[in-house]
């Protein structure tokens, strides 16, 4: 059983949920402090440095296929510059920079009036885990080959070191407890996992 994490499925789900680009008057500016091809690496970076994780595929002016730890969005380069100067005043973010990301590719009002950037932040916080499965191992799963999809999220966790008594920081994995989904390989059909009493 092989496990696939992240970007491909995120792109697939974003494509289904938000098929049309946004039409907005303003472009978004971000202060970027870190980028990585791994969503998990970016999520873990935020636990120690702050900010939030942005899938760069959501914006036309950002390099595709990355996850960026960002501050923003700001509606002008002046606002973003003030944030960058504040971050760099403590010498903690020497490589941070500003990007005009363009207009977000999410429709306004897609979720009961929540701004598209908030939806982007939520998508950056959640990680899609996908497992290939052969099927037919028990009557409660699809009988043909399928993929199992679930959401996980990460948060900072602290615990005392038993030897020194010092506090250790780590990153803790959490599953979003909604069950998850299957997609059937041959047909592409998506099914929500349900309780099985067979």
N, C-alpha and C. Protein backbone atom coordinates (compact mmCIF):
# COMPACT_ATOMS: atom_id res chain seq x y z
N UNK A 1 0.85 -1.17 0.00
CA UNK A 1 0.00 0.00 0.00
C UNK A 1 0.90 1.24 0.00
N UNK A 2 0.75 2.12 -0.98
CA UNK A 2 1.59 3.30 -1.11
C UNK A 2 0.80 4.51 -0.69
N UNK A 3 1.44 5.41 0.03
CA UNK A 3 0.76 6.62 0.49
C UNK A 3 1.24 7.81 -0.32
N UNK A 4 0.29 8.58 -0.81
CA UNK A 4 0.59 9.80 -1.56
C UNK A 4 0.10 10.95 -0.70
N UNK A 5 0.86 12.01 -0.59
CA UNK A 5 0.44 13.12 0.25
C UNK A 5 0.36 14.39 -0.56
N UNK A 6 -0.76 15.09 -0.48
CA UNK A 6 -0.84 16.50 -0.73
C UNK A 6 -1.20 17.11 -2.04
N UNK A 7 -0.21 17.55 -2.77
CA UNK A 7 -0.42 18.58 -3.79
C UNK A 7 -1.38 18.15 -4.88
N UNK A 8 -1.23 16.94 -5.40
CA UNK A 8 -2.07 16.52 -6.51
C UNK A 8 -3.53 16.50 -6.11
N UNK A 9 -3.82 15.93 -4.96
CA UNK A 9 -5.22 15.84 -4.53
C UNK A 9 -5.74 17.21 -4.18
N UNK A 10 -4.92 18.07 -3.57
CA UNK A 10 -5.37 19.42 -3.25
C UNK A 10 -5.77 20.13 -4.52
N UNK A 11 -4.95 20.01 -5.56
CA UNK A 11 -5.29 20.63 -6.83
C UNK A 11 -6.57 20.07 -7.40
N UNK A 12 -6.78 18.75 -7.28
CA UNK A 12 -7.99 18.11 -7.76
C UNK A 12 -9.22 18.64 -7.04
N UNK A 13 -9.14 18.70 -5.71
CA UNK A 13 -10.29 19.16 -4.93
C UNK A 13 -10.56 20.63 -5.18
N UNK A 14 -9.51 21.45 -5.24
CA UNK A 14 -9.72 22.87 -5.54
C UNK A 14 -10.37 23.01 -6.90
N UNK A 15 -9.95 22.18 -7.86
CA UNK A 15 -10.53 22.24 -9.19
C UNK A 15 -12.01 21.92 -9.18
N UNK A 16 -12.42 20.93 -8.38
CA UNK A 16 -13.84 20.59 -8.31
C UNK A 16 -14.64 21.65 -7.57
N UNK A 17 -14.08 22.14 -6.46
CA UNK A 17 -14.85 23.02 -5.60
C UNK A 17 -14.93 24.44 -6.12
N UNK A 18 -13.88 24.88 -6.80
CA UNK A 18 -13.81 26.27 -7.20
C UNK A 18 -13.40 26.36 -8.67
N UNK A 19 -14.32 26.07 -9.59
CA UNK A 19 -13.92 25.93 -10.98
C UNK A 19 -13.60 27.22 -11.71
N UNK A 20 -14.05 28.37 -11.21
CA UNK A 20 -13.86 29.60 -11.97
C UNK A 20 -12.93 30.55 -11.25
N UNK A 21 -12.07 31.25 -11.99
CA UNK A 21 -11.22 32.25 -11.35
C UNK A 21 -12.05 33.37 -10.75
N UNK A 22 -11.49 34.00 -9.75
CA UNK A 22 -12.15 35.14 -9.11
C UNK A 22 -12.05 36.36 -10.00
N UNK A 23 -13.05 37.21 -9.92
CA UNK A 23 -12.98 38.49 -10.60
C UNK A 23 -12.96 39.55 -9.50
N UNK A 24 -11.78 40.07 -9.21
CA UNK A 24 -11.62 41.04 -8.14
C UNK A 24 -10.95 42.28 -8.69
N UNK A 25 -11.21 43.40 -8.07
CA UNK A 25 -10.59 44.64 -8.50
C UNK A 25 -9.15 44.74 -8.02
N UNK A 26 -8.84 44.08 -6.90
CA UNK A 26 -7.53 44.25 -6.30
C UNK A 26 -6.67 43.01 -6.45
N UNK A 27 -5.36 43.23 -6.49
CA UNK A 27 -4.41 42.14 -6.46
C UNK A 27 -3.90 41.99 -5.04
N UNK A 28 -3.46 40.80 -4.69
CA UNK A 28 -2.99 40.52 -3.33
C UNK A 28 -1.47 40.50 -3.29
N UNK A 29 -0.92 41.13 -2.26
CA UNK A 29 0.51 41.13 -2.01
C UNK A 29 0.78 40.29 -0.77
N UNK A 30 1.85 39.50 -0.81
CA UNK A 30 2.22 38.66 0.33
C UNK A 30 3.67 38.89 0.70
N UNK A 31 3.94 38.76 1.99
CA UNK A 31 5.32 38.64 2.46
C UNK A 31 5.56 37.14 2.61
N UNK A 32 6.55 36.64 1.90
CA UNK A 32 6.85 35.22 1.88
C UNK A 32 8.12 34.97 2.68
N UNK A 33 8.02 34.07 3.67
CA UNK A 33 9.18 33.80 4.52
C UNK A 33 9.79 32.42 4.27
N UNK A 34 9.08 31.55 3.53
CA UNK A 34 9.57 30.18 3.33
C UNK A 34 8.76 29.55 2.21
N UNK A 35 9.40 28.72 1.38
CA UNK A 35 8.66 27.93 0.38
C UNK A 35 9.22 26.52 0.34
N UNK A 36 8.35 25.58 -0.04
CA UNK A 36 8.77 24.19 -0.15
C UNK A 36 7.78 23.46 -1.05
N UNK A 37 8.23 22.40 -1.72
CA UNK A 37 7.31 21.59 -2.51
C UNK A 37 6.42 20.73 -1.62
N UNK A 38 6.80 20.56 -0.38
CA UNK A 38 6.04 19.74 0.57
C UNK A 38 5.12 20.62 1.41
N UNK A 39 3.83 20.34 1.35
CA UNK A 39 2.88 21.06 2.19
C UNK A 39 3.17 20.80 3.66
N UNK A 40 3.52 19.55 3.98
CA UNK A 40 3.79 19.21 5.38
C UNK A 40 4.97 20.00 5.92
N UNK A 41 6.04 20.14 5.12
CA UNK A 41 7.21 20.92 5.57
C UNK A 41 6.82 22.37 5.82
N UNK A 42 5.98 22.93 4.95
CA UNK A 42 5.54 24.31 5.14
C UNK A 42 4.67 24.44 6.38
N UNK A 43 3.79 23.46 6.61
CA UNK A 43 2.94 23.50 7.80
C UNK A 43 3.79 23.43 9.06
N UNK A 44 4.82 22.60 9.06
CA UNK A 44 5.66 22.49 10.23
C UNK A 44 6.48 23.76 10.45
N UNK A 45 6.85 24.42 9.37
CA UNK A 45 7.56 25.71 9.48
C UNK A 45 6.70 26.75 10.19
N UNK A 46 5.41 26.77 9.90
CA UNK A 46 4.54 27.77 10.52
C UNK A 46 4.43 27.58 12.04
N UNK A 47 4.61 26.36 12.52
CA UNK A 47 4.49 26.14 13.97
C UNK A 47 5.59 26.85 14.75
N UNK A 48 6.72 27.09 14.11
CA UNK A 48 7.81 27.77 14.82
C UNK A 48 8.02 29.21 14.37
N UNK A 49 7.56 29.56 13.18
CA UNK A 49 7.83 30.92 12.67
C UNK A 49 6.59 31.77 12.47
N UNK A 50 5.40 31.18 12.58
CA UNK A 50 4.18 31.94 12.37
C UNK A 50 3.83 32.03 10.90
N UNK A 51 2.79 32.80 10.61
CA UNK A 51 2.29 32.90 9.25
C UNK A 51 1.30 31.78 8.96
N UNK A 52 0.97 31.61 7.69
CA UNK A 52 0.08 30.54 7.28
C UNK A 52 0.55 29.99 5.94
N UNK A 53 0.04 28.82 5.57
CA UNK A 53 0.51 28.12 4.38
C UNK A 53 -0.39 28.43 3.19
N UNK A 54 0.22 28.88 2.11
CA UNK A 54 -0.51 29.22 0.88
C UNK A 54 -0.08 28.30 -0.24
N UNK A 55 -1.03 27.64 -0.89
CA UNK A 55 -0.77 26.86 -2.09
C UNK A 55 -0.56 27.87 -3.23
N UNK A 56 0.64 27.92 -3.78
CA UNK A 56 0.96 28.95 -4.77
C UNK A 56 0.17 28.78 -6.07
N UNK A 57 -0.42 27.60 -6.30
CA UNK A 57 -1.22 27.40 -7.50
C UNK A 57 -2.51 28.22 -7.47
N UNK A 58 -2.86 28.78 -6.33
CA UNK A 58 -4.08 29.59 -6.24
C UNK A 58 -3.90 30.99 -6.81
N UNK A 59 -2.68 31.36 -7.18
CA UNK A 59 -2.41 32.70 -7.71
C UNK A 59 -1.62 32.63 -9.00
N UNK A 60 -1.94 33.46 -9.99
CA UNK A 60 -1.26 33.40 -11.28
C UNK A 60 0.18 33.91 -11.26
N UNK A 61 0.52 34.81 -10.34
CA UNK A 61 1.85 35.42 -10.36
C UNK A 61 2.87 34.74 -9.46
N UNK A 62 2.47 33.65 -8.80
CA UNK A 62 3.40 32.92 -7.93
C UNK A 62 3.92 31.69 -8.65
N UNK A 63 5.14 31.28 -8.31
CA UNK A 63 5.72 30.06 -8.90
C UNK A 63 4.82 28.88 -8.56
N UNK A 64 4.43 28.08 -9.54
CA UNK A 64 3.49 26.98 -9.28
C UNK A 64 4.14 25.81 -8.56
N UNK A 65 3.29 24.99 -7.95
CA UNK A 65 3.73 23.74 -7.36
C UNK A 65 4.44 23.86 -6.03
N UNK A 66 4.23 25.00 -5.33
CA UNK A 66 4.91 25.20 -4.05
C UNK A 66 3.89 25.50 -2.96
N UNK A 67 4.36 25.38 -1.73
CA UNK A 67 3.60 25.84 -0.57
C UNK A 67 4.45 26.91 0.10
N UNK A 68 3.88 28.09 0.28
CA UNK A 68 4.62 29.22 0.83
C UNK A 68 4.09 29.56 2.21
N UNK A 69 4.99 29.87 3.13
CA UNK A 69 4.59 30.42 4.42
C UNK A 69 4.54 31.93 4.23
N UNK A 70 3.38 32.50 4.49
CA UNK A 70 3.14 33.90 4.13
C UNK A 70 2.54 34.70 5.27
N UNK A 71 2.63 36.01 5.12
CA UNK A 71 1.85 36.99 5.89
C UNK A 71 1.05 37.75 4.85
N UNK A 72 -0.21 38.01 5.16
CA UNK A 72 -1.05 38.74 4.22
C UNK A 72 -2.40 38.07 4.10
N UNK A 73 -3.16 38.41 3.05
CA UNK A 73 -2.80 39.27 1.94
C UNK A 73 -2.91 40.76 2.27
N UNK A 74 -2.09 41.54 1.60
CA UNK A 74 -2.12 43.00 1.70
C UNK A 74 -2.59 43.53 0.35
N UNK A 75 -3.25 44.69 0.36
CA UNK A 75 -3.81 45.23 -0.87
C UNK A 75 -2.93 46.28 -1.52
N UNK A 76 -1.72 46.45 -0.98
CA UNK A 76 -0.76 47.35 -1.63
C UNK A 76 0.64 46.91 -1.27
N UNK A 77 1.59 47.28 -2.10
CA UNK A 77 2.99 46.93 -1.81
C UNK A 77 3.47 47.71 -0.58
N UNK A 78 2.90 48.90 -0.33
CA UNK A 78 3.29 49.68 0.86
C UNK A 78 2.94 48.93 2.14
N UNK A 79 1.72 48.36 2.19
CA UNK A 79 1.32 47.59 3.38
C UNK A 79 2.25 46.39 3.57
N UNK A 80 2.53 45.68 2.48
CA UNK A 80 3.40 44.51 2.56
C UNK A 80 4.81 44.91 2.98
N UNK A 81 5.28 46.06 2.49
CA UNK A 81 6.62 46.53 2.84
C UNK A 81 6.73 46.83 4.33
N UNK A 82 5.69 47.43 4.90
CA UNK A 82 5.70 47.70 6.34
C UNK A 82 5.79 46.40 7.14
N UNK A 83 5.05 45.37 6.70
CA UNK A 83 5.11 44.08 7.39
C UNK A 83 6.49 43.45 7.24
N UNK A 84 7.06 43.52 6.05
CA UNK A 84 8.39 42.95 5.82
C UNK A 84 9.44 43.64 6.69
N UNK A 85 9.37 44.96 6.75
CA UNK A 85 10.33 45.71 7.58
C UNK A 85 10.20 45.34 9.04
N UNK A 86 8.96 45.16 9.51
CA UNK A 86 8.76 44.77 10.90
C UNK A 86 9.33 43.38 11.17
N UNK A 87 9.07 42.43 10.24
CA UNK A 87 9.60 41.08 10.41
C UNK A 87 11.12 41.07 10.43
N UNK A 88 11.72 41.86 9.57
CA UNK A 88 13.17 41.85 9.46
C UNK A 88 13.85 42.71 10.51
N UNK A 89 13.09 43.48 11.26
CA UNK A 89 13.69 44.32 12.30
C UNK A 89 14.32 43.48 13.42
N UNK A 90 13.86 42.25 13.58
CA UNK A 90 14.43 41.38 14.61
C UNK A 90 15.45 40.41 14.08
N UNK A 91 15.86 40.53 12.83
CA UNK A 91 16.86 39.66 12.20
C UNK A 91 16.43 38.20 12.10
N UNK A 92 15.14 37.92 12.22
CA UNK A 92 14.68 36.54 12.16
C UNK A 92 14.30 36.09 10.75
N UNK A 93 14.06 37.03 9.85
CA UNK A 93 13.58 36.69 8.51
C UNK A 93 14.43 37.38 7.44
N UNK A 94 15.73 37.11 7.40
CA UNK A 94 16.58 37.83 6.46
C UNK A 94 16.27 37.54 4.99
N UNK A 95 15.67 36.38 4.70
CA UNK A 95 15.39 36.00 3.32
C UNK A 95 13.95 36.26 2.90
N UNK A 96 13.16 36.90 3.76
CA UNK A 96 11.76 37.18 3.42
C UNK A 96 11.70 38.17 2.28
N UNK A 97 10.63 38.08 1.49
CA UNK A 97 10.47 38.98 0.34
C UNK A 97 8.98 39.19 0.06
N UNK A 98 8.70 40.14 -0.81
CA UNK A 98 7.32 40.50 -1.16
C UNK A 98 7.03 40.04 -2.58
N UNK A 99 5.82 39.54 -2.80
CA UNK A 99 5.36 39.20 -4.13
C UNK A 99 3.96 39.75 -4.36
N UNK A 100 3.75 40.33 -5.55
CA UNK A 100 2.41 40.65 -6.01
C UNK A 100 1.87 39.36 -6.60
N UNK A 101 0.96 38.71 -5.89
CA UNK A 101 0.47 37.39 -6.29
C UNK A 101 -0.55 37.47 -7.41
N UNK A 102 -1.16 38.64 -7.62
CA UNK A 102 -2.23 38.77 -8.60
C UNK A 102 -3.57 38.57 -7.94
N UNK A 103 -4.54 38.15 -8.73
CA UNK A 103 -5.89 37.93 -8.22
C UNK A 103 -6.09 36.46 -7.90
N UNK A 104 -6.61 36.17 -6.73
CA UNK A 104 -6.80 34.79 -6.30
C UNK A 104 -7.77 34.06 -7.22
N UNK A 105 -7.52 32.78 -7.42
CA UNK A 105 -8.34 31.97 -8.32
C UNK A 105 -9.49 31.29 -7.60
N UNK A 106 -10.03 31.91 -6.59
CA UNK A 106 -11.20 31.42 -5.87
C UNK A 106 -12.30 32.45 -6.00
N UNK A 107 -13.52 31.98 -6.13
CA UNK A 107 -14.65 32.90 -6.25
C UNK A 107 -14.96 33.54 -4.92
N UNK A 108 -15.28 34.81 -4.96
CA UNK A 108 -15.75 35.50 -3.75
C UNK A 108 -17.08 34.89 -3.34
N UNK A 109 -17.30 34.79 -2.04
CA UNK A 109 -18.57 34.28 -1.54
C UNK A 109 -18.73 32.78 -1.69
N UNK A 110 -17.62 32.06 -1.92
CA UNK A 110 -17.73 30.62 -2.12
C UNK A 110 -18.19 29.90 -0.85
N UNK A 111 -18.01 30.53 0.31
CA UNK A 111 -18.38 29.88 1.56
C UNK A 111 -19.06 30.87 2.49
N UNK A 112 -20.29 31.19 2.23
CA UNK A 112 -21.11 32.04 3.09
C UNK A 112 -20.44 33.37 3.43
N UNK A 113 -19.88 34.00 2.44
CA UNK A 113 -19.30 35.32 2.64
C UNK A 113 -17.89 35.32 3.19
N UNK A 114 -17.28 34.16 3.42
CA UNK A 114 -15.90 34.11 3.89
C UNK A 114 -15.00 34.58 2.76
N UNK A 115 -14.05 35.48 3.03
CA UNK A 115 -13.18 35.97 1.96
C UNK A 115 -12.36 34.84 1.34
N UNK A 116 -12.09 34.91 0.03
CA UNK A 116 -11.32 33.86 -0.64
C UNK A 116 -9.97 33.59 0.02
N UNK A 117 -9.30 34.62 0.54
CA UNK A 117 -8.00 34.39 1.19
C UNK A 117 -8.15 33.52 2.44
N UNK A 118 -9.28 33.62 3.13
CA UNK A 118 -9.52 32.78 4.30
C UNK A 118 -9.71 31.32 3.87
N UNK A 119 -10.40 31.10 2.75
CA UNK A 119 -10.55 29.75 2.22
C UNK A 119 -9.17 29.20 1.84
N UNK A 120 -8.32 30.05 1.23
CA UNK A 120 -6.96 29.63 0.88
C UNK A 120 -6.17 29.25 2.12
N UNK A 121 -6.32 30.01 3.20
CA UNK A 121 -5.61 29.70 4.45
C UNK A 121 -6.08 28.36 5.02
N UNK A 122 -7.38 28.10 4.96
CA UNK A 122 -7.90 26.82 5.43
C UNK A 122 -7.35 25.67 4.61
N UNK A 123 -7.31 25.82 3.28
CA UNK A 123 -6.77 24.77 2.43
C UNK A 123 -5.29 24.54 2.71
N UNK A 124 -4.58 25.60 3.06
CA UNK A 124 -3.17 25.45 3.40
C UNK A 124 -2.96 24.74 4.72
N UNK A 125 -3.92 24.86 5.62
CA UNK A 125 -3.82 24.24 6.95
C UNK A 125 -4.12 22.74 6.90
N UNK A 126 -4.99 22.35 5.96
CA UNK A 126 -5.40 20.96 5.85
C UNK A 126 -4.55 20.23 4.84
N UNK A 127 -4.17 19.01 5.17
CA UNK A 127 -3.37 18.19 4.26
C UNK A 127 -4.19 16.99 3.83
N UNK A 128 -4.23 16.74 2.54
CA UNK A 128 -4.94 15.59 2.03
C UNK A 128 -3.99 14.40 2.03
N UNK A 129 -4.37 13.32 2.70
CA UNK A 129 -3.60 12.09 2.65
C UNK A 129 -4.37 11.08 1.81
N UNK A 130 -3.67 10.46 0.88
CA UNK A 130 -4.29 9.55 -0.07
C UNK A 130 -3.57 8.21 -0.01
N UNK A 131 -4.32 7.14 0.14
CA UNK A 131 -3.76 5.79 0.13
C UNK A 131 -4.38 4.98 -1.00
N UNK A 132 -3.53 4.31 -1.77
CA UNK A 132 -4.02 3.39 -2.78
C UNK A 132 -4.41 2.09 -2.09
N UNK A 133 -5.57 1.56 -2.43
CA UNK A 133 -6.03 0.30 -1.83
C UNK A 133 -6.54 -0.62 -2.93
N UNK A 134 -6.33 -1.93 -2.71
CA UNK A 134 -6.74 -2.92 -3.72
C UNK A 134 -8.24 -3.17 -3.72
N UNK A 135 -8.89 -2.97 -2.58
CA UNK A 135 -10.32 -3.25 -2.47
C UNK A 135 -10.59 -4.71 -2.22
N UNK A 136 -11.84 -5.00 -1.88
CA UNK A 136 -12.35 -6.36 -1.70
C UNK A 136 -11.74 -7.10 -0.52
N UNK A 137 -11.13 -6.40 0.43
CA UNK A 137 -10.61 -7.07 1.62
C UNK A 137 -11.72 -7.34 2.63
N UNK A 138 -12.75 -6.51 2.62
CA UNK A 138 -13.91 -6.76 3.48
C UNK A 138 -15.14 -6.17 2.82
N UNK A 139 -16.33 -6.57 3.24
CA UNK A 139 -17.55 -6.11 2.55
C UNK A 139 -17.88 -4.64 2.77
N UNK A 140 -17.16 -3.97 3.67
CA UNK A 140 -17.47 -2.58 3.98
C UNK A 140 -16.68 -1.59 3.14
N UNK A 141 -15.89 -2.08 2.20
CA UNK A 141 -15.11 -1.19 1.35
C UNK A 141 -15.43 -1.49 -0.11
N UNK A 142 -15.06 -0.60 -1.01
CA UNK A 142 -15.29 -0.89 -2.43
C UNK A 142 -14.61 -2.20 -2.84
N UNK A 143 -15.25 -2.90 -3.73
CA UNK A 143 -14.73 -4.21 -4.15
C UNK A 143 -13.68 -4.09 -5.26
N UNK A 144 -13.56 -2.92 -5.86
CA UNK A 144 -12.57 -2.68 -6.92
C UNK A 144 -11.47 -1.78 -6.37
N UNK A 145 -10.33 -1.68 -7.05
CA UNK A 145 -9.25 -0.78 -6.58
C UNK A 145 -9.76 0.65 -6.39
N UNK A 146 -9.30 1.28 -5.31
CA UNK A 146 -9.76 2.62 -5.00
C UNK A 146 -8.67 3.38 -4.24
N UNK A 147 -8.90 4.66 -4.03
CA UNK A 147 -8.04 5.49 -3.20
C UNK A 147 -8.85 5.97 -2.00
N UNK A 148 -8.24 5.95 -0.83
CA UNK A 148 -8.87 6.47 0.39
C UNK A 148 -8.29 7.85 0.65
N UNK A 149 -9.15 8.84 0.87
CA UNK A 149 -8.73 10.22 1.08
C UNK A 149 -9.22 10.69 2.43
N UNK A 150 -8.33 11.26 3.23
CA UNK A 150 -8.75 11.88 4.48
C UNK A 150 -7.96 13.16 4.69
N UNK A 151 -8.44 14.00 5.57
CA UNK A 151 -7.78 15.26 5.87
C UNK A 151 -7.07 15.17 7.22
N UNK A 152 -5.87 15.75 7.28
CA UNK A 152 -5.15 15.87 8.54
C UNK A 152 -4.69 17.31 8.70
N UNK A 153 -4.42 17.69 9.92
CA UNK A 153 -3.86 19.01 10.19
C UNK A 153 -2.84 18.89 11.30
N UNK A 154 -1.96 19.87 11.39
CA UNK A 154 -0.82 19.84 12.29
C UNK A 154 -0.89 21.02 13.23
N UNK A 155 -0.45 20.82 14.46
CA UNK A 155 -0.42 21.92 15.42
C UNK A 155 0.81 21.78 16.31
N UNK A 156 1.27 22.89 16.88
CA UNK A 156 2.40 22.80 17.79
C UNK A 156 1.99 22.10 19.08
N UNK A 157 2.92 21.34 19.63
CA UNK A 157 2.66 20.61 20.86
C UNK A 157 3.88 20.75 21.75
N UNK A 158 3.68 20.85 23.04
CA UNK A 158 4.82 20.93 23.94
C UNK A 158 4.70 19.88 25.03
N UNK A 159 5.86 19.38 25.43
CA UNK A 159 5.90 18.37 26.49
C UNK A 159 7.21 18.53 27.25
N UNK A 160 7.21 18.19 28.55
CA UNK A 160 8.45 18.31 29.33
C UNK A 160 9.42 17.20 28.95
N UNK A 161 10.69 17.55 28.85
CA UNK A 161 11.74 16.57 28.62
C UNK A 161 11.98 15.84 29.94
N UNK A 162 11.80 14.51 29.99
CA UNK A 162 11.92 13.80 31.27
C UNK A 162 13.33 13.87 31.88
N UNK A 163 14.32 14.08 31.05
CA UNK A 163 15.69 14.11 31.56
C UNK A 163 16.10 15.48 32.09
N UNK A 164 15.70 16.54 31.36
CA UNK A 164 16.14 17.88 31.75
C UNK A 164 15.05 18.72 32.38
N UNK A 165 13.80 18.35 32.16
CA UNK A 165 12.69 19.15 32.66
C UNK A 165 12.36 20.32 31.75
N UNK A 166 13.18 20.55 30.73
CA UNK A 166 12.91 21.63 29.78
C UNK A 166 11.70 21.29 28.92
N UNK A 167 11.07 22.32 28.39
CA UNK A 167 9.91 22.11 27.52
C UNK A 167 10.40 21.84 26.11
N UNK A 168 9.90 20.77 25.52
CA UNK A 168 10.22 20.44 24.13
C UNK A 168 9.02 20.77 23.25
N UNK A 169 9.31 21.40 22.11
CA UNK A 169 8.26 21.70 21.14
C UNK A 169 8.32 20.67 20.02
N UNK A 170 7.18 20.25 19.57
CA UNK A 170 7.11 19.31 18.45
C UNK A 170 5.86 19.65 17.63
N UNK A 171 5.65 18.89 16.59
CA UNK A 171 4.49 19.07 15.74
C UNK A 171 3.61 17.84 15.88
N UNK A 172 2.33 18.04 16.17
CA UNK A 172 1.41 16.94 16.41
C UNK A 172 0.43 16.80 15.25
N UNK A 173 0.24 15.58 14.79
CA UNK A 173 -0.69 15.28 13.70
C UNK A 173 -2.09 15.05 14.25
N UNK A 174 -3.08 15.62 13.60
CA UNK A 174 -4.49 15.43 13.97
C UNK A 174 -5.27 15.04 12.72
N UNK A 175 -6.22 14.14 12.87
CA UNK A 175 -7.11 13.81 11.76
C UNK A 175 -8.39 14.61 11.90
N UNK A 176 -8.88 15.10 10.77
CA UNK A 176 -10.19 15.74 10.77
C UNK A 176 -11.22 14.63 10.82
N UNK A 177 -12.03 14.62 11.86
CA UNK A 177 -12.90 13.47 12.10
C UNK A 177 -14.23 13.62 11.38
N UNK A 178 -14.16 13.42 10.08
CA UNK A 178 -15.40 13.42 9.31
C UNK A 178 -15.51 12.16 8.47
N UNK A 179 -14.56 11.24 8.63
CA UNK A 179 -14.63 9.96 7.94
C UNK A 179 -13.74 9.89 6.73
N UNK A 180 -13.89 10.80 5.81
CA UNK A 180 -13.08 10.77 4.61
C UNK A 180 -13.86 10.31 3.40
N UNK A 181 -13.15 10.15 2.29
CA UNK A 181 -13.76 9.79 1.02
C UNK A 181 -12.97 8.68 0.35
N UNK A 182 -13.65 7.98 -0.56
CA UNK A 182 -13.01 7.05 -1.47
C UNK A 182 -13.22 7.60 -2.88
N UNK A 183 -12.26 7.35 -3.77
CA UNK A 183 -12.58 7.49 -5.18
C UNK A 183 -12.20 6.19 -5.86
N UNK A 184 -13.13 5.71 -6.71
CA UNK A 184 -12.98 4.42 -7.36
C UNK A 184 -12.13 4.62 -8.61
N UNK A 185 -11.04 3.86 -8.71
CA UNK A 185 -10.08 4.08 -9.78
C UNK A 185 -10.69 3.98 -11.18
N UNK A 186 -11.45 2.92 -11.43
CA UNK A 186 -11.92 2.65 -12.79
C UNK A 186 -12.92 3.69 -13.28
N UNK A 187 -13.80 4.15 -12.38
CA UNK A 187 -14.89 5.04 -12.80
C UNK A 187 -14.67 6.50 -12.43
N UNK A 188 -13.79 6.77 -11.44
CA UNK A 188 -13.63 8.14 -10.96
C UNK A 188 -14.73 8.59 -10.01
N UNK A 189 -15.63 7.68 -9.64
CA UNK A 189 -16.74 8.00 -8.73
C UNK A 189 -16.18 8.31 -7.34
N UNK A 190 -16.71 9.36 -6.73
CA UNK A 190 -16.32 9.74 -5.36
C UNK A 190 -17.43 9.30 -4.41
N UNK A 191 -17.06 8.61 -3.34
CA UNK A 191 -18.03 8.16 -2.34
C UNK A 191 -17.57 8.59 -0.97
N UNK A 192 -18.50 9.01 -0.13
CA UNK A 192 -18.19 9.34 1.25
C UNK A 192 -18.15 8.05 2.06
N UNK A 193 -17.12 7.88 2.89
CA UNK A 193 -17.05 6.68 3.73
C UNK A 193 -18.15 6.74 4.79
N UNK A 194 -18.83 5.67 4.99
CA UNK A 194 -19.94 5.59 5.95
C UNK A 194 -19.67 4.47 6.95
N UNK A 195 -20.40 4.50 8.07
CA UNK A 195 -20.33 3.38 9.02
C UNK A 195 -20.87 2.14 8.36
N UNK A 196 -20.23 1.01 8.62
CA UNK A 196 -20.64 -0.25 8.01
C UNK A 196 -21.04 -1.22 9.10
N UNK A 197 -22.20 -1.86 8.96
CA UNK A 197 -22.69 -2.78 9.97
C UNK A 197 -22.81 -4.19 9.45
N UNK A 198 -22.13 -4.49 8.32
CA UNK A 198 -22.22 -5.83 7.73
C UNK A 198 -21.30 -6.80 8.43
